[in-house]
Amino acid sequence: MTNSDDDERYVRIMQKLQAKHDDLFEKIVFAQREDKDDIAKSHACELVAVREMMKLDKHELFKKLNE
């Protein structure tokens, strides 16, 4: 893989993570509106994991994905 391929892959992964983040955040809001705290907490745990992945730099992210 070339460096530009890695960059493109990283951008695609980050876009997918951002989409997952937005989807989970919306699910949390709707669950809270319907007083479904258990569901909201479950989605919040997933959201934390997504945010942790988004904080990783390119090399750390690829290493984690290849585990």
C-alpha atoms as a PDB file:
ATOM      1  CA  MET A   1       0.000   0.000   0.000  1.00  0.00           C
ATOM      2  CA  THR A   2       1.210   3.469  -0.803  1.00  0.00           C
ATOM      3  CA  ASN A   3       0.986   6.398   1.517  1.00  0.00           C
ATOM      4  CA  SER A   4      -1.852   7.950  -0.507  1.00  0.00           C
ATOM      5  CA  ASP A   5      -3.779   4.652  -0.332  1.00  0.00           C
ATOM      6  CA  ASP A   6      -3.372   4.717   3.448  1.00  0.00           C
ATOM      7  CA  ASP A   7      -4.587   8.315   3.548  1.00  0.00           C
ATOM      8  CA  GLU A   8      -7.660   7.511   1.455  1.00  0.00           C
ATOM      9  CA  ARG A   9      -8.429   4.466   3.588  1.00  0.00           C
ATOM     10  CA  TYR A  10      -8.026   6.526   6.749  1.00  0.00           C
ATOM     11  CA  VAL A  11     -10.408   9.198   5.441  1.00  0.00           C
ATOM     12  CA  ARG A  12     -13.026   6.574   4.521  1.00  0.00           C
ATOM     13  CA  ILE A  13     -12.758   4.940   7.936  1.00  0.00           C
ATOM     14  CA  MET A  14     -13.069   8.282   9.706  1.00  0.00           C
ATOM     15  CA  GLN A  15     -16.145   9.154   7.618  1.00  0.00           C
ATOM     16  CA  LYS A  16     -17.734   5.832   8.579  1.00  0.00           C
ATOM     17  CA  LEU A  17     -16.904   6.411  12.234  1.00  0.00           C
ATOM     18  CA  GLN A  18     -18.420   9.905  12.078  1.00  0.00           C
ATOM     19  CA  ALA A  19     -21.595   8.511  10.497  1.00  0.00           C
ATOM     20  CA  LYS A  20     -21.774   5.823  13.213  1.00  0.00           C
ATOM     21  CA  HIS A  21     -21.199   8.524  15.856  1.00  0.00           C
ATOM     22  CA  ASP A  22     -24.025  10.683  14.510  1.00  0.00           C
ATOM     23  CA  ASP A  23     -26.390   7.688  14.281  1.00  0.00           C
ATOM     24  CA  LEU A  24     -25.682   6.593  17.851  1.00  0.00           C
ATOM     25  CA  PHE A  25     -26.044  10.141  19.163  1.00  0.00           C
ATOM     26  CA  GLU A  26     -29.452  10.427  17.509  1.00  0.00           C
ATOM     27  CA  LYS A  27     -30.516   7.069  18.972  1.00  0.00           C
ATOM     28  CA  ILE A  28     -29.490   8.261  22.443  1.00  0.00           C
ATOM     29  CA  VAL A  29     -31.559  11.427  22.094  1.00  0.00           C
ATOM     30  CA  PHE A  30     -34.649   9.527  20.927  1.00  0.00           C
ATOM     31  CA  ALA A  31     -34.277   6.906  23.668  1.00  0.00           C
ATOM     32  CA  GLN A  32     -34.050   9.620  26.314  1.00  0.00           C
ATOM     33  CA  ARG A  33     -37.124  11.366  24.916  1.00  0.00           C
ATOM     34  CA  GLU A  34     -39.049   8.102  25.287  1.00  0.00           C
ATOM     35  CA  ASP A  35     -37.696   7.510  28.828  1.00  0.00           C
ATOM     36  CA  LYS A  36     -35.768   4.416  27.750  1.00  0.00           C
ATOM     37  CA  ASP A  37     -32.679   5.041  29.851  1.00  0.00           C
ATOM     38  CA  ASP A  38     -31.325   1.488  29.553  1.00  0.00           C
ATOM     39  CA  ILE A  39     -31.293   1.735  25.766  1.00  0.00           C
ATOM     40  CA  ALA A  40     -29.746   5.211  25.921  1.00  0.00           C
ATOM     41  CA  LYS A  41     -26.974   3.936  28.225  1.00  0.00           C
ATOM     42  CA  SER A  42     -26.275   1.023  25.897  1.00  0.00           C
ATOM     43  CA  HIS A  43     -25.916   3.348  22.923  1.00  0.00           C
ATOM     44  CA  ALA A  44     -23.785   5.700  25.026  1.00  0.00           C
ATOM     45  CA  CYS A  45     -21.309   2.884  25.714  1.00  0.00           C
ATOM     46  CA  GLU A  46     -21.043   2.237  21.981  1.00  0.00           C
ATOM     47  CA  LEU A  47     -20.593   5.958  21.385  1.00  0.00           C
ATOM     48  CA  VAL A  48     -17.642   6.037  23.794  1.00  0.00           C
ATOM     49  CA  ALA A  49     -15.959   3.231  21.844  1.00  0.00           C
ATOM     50  CA  VAL A  50     -16.495   5.067  18.552  1.00  0.00           C
ATOM     51  CA  ARG A  51     -15.074   8.282  19.998  1.00  0.00           C
ATOM     52  CA  GLU A  52     -12.018   6.424  21.254  1.00  0.00           C
ATOM     53  CA  MET A  53     -11.428   5.040  17.764  1.00  0.00           C
ATOM     54  CA  MET A  54     -11.817   8.514  16.270  1.00  0.00           C
ATOM     55  CA  LYS A  55      -9.118   9.896  18.582  1.00  0.00           C
ATOM     56  CA  LEU A  56      -6.486   7.442  17.328  1.00  0.00           C
ATOM     57  CA  ASP A  57      -3.966   8.629  14.789  1.00  0.00           C
ATOM     58  CA  LYS A  58      -3.692   6.839  11.447  1.00  0.00           C
ATOM     59  CA  HIS A  59      -1.042   4.320  12.482  1.00  0.00           C
ATOM     60  CA  GLU A  60      -2.705   3.454  15.786  1.00  0.00           C
ATOM     61  CA  LEU A  61      -6.056   3.021  14.039  1.00  0.00           C
ATOM     62  CA  PHE A  62      -4.668   0.648  11.402  1.00  0.00           C
ATOM     63  CA  LYS A  63      -2.866  -1.327  14.092  1.00  0.00           C
ATOM     64  CA  LYS A  64      -6.082  -1.666  16.117  1.00  0.00           C
ATOM     65  CA  LEU A  65      -8.096  -2.701  13.053  1.00  0.00           C
ATOM     66  CA  ASN A  66      -5.558  -5.394  12.176  1.00  0.00           C
ATOM     67  CA  GLU A  67      -5.639  -7.022  15.635  1.00  0.00           C
END
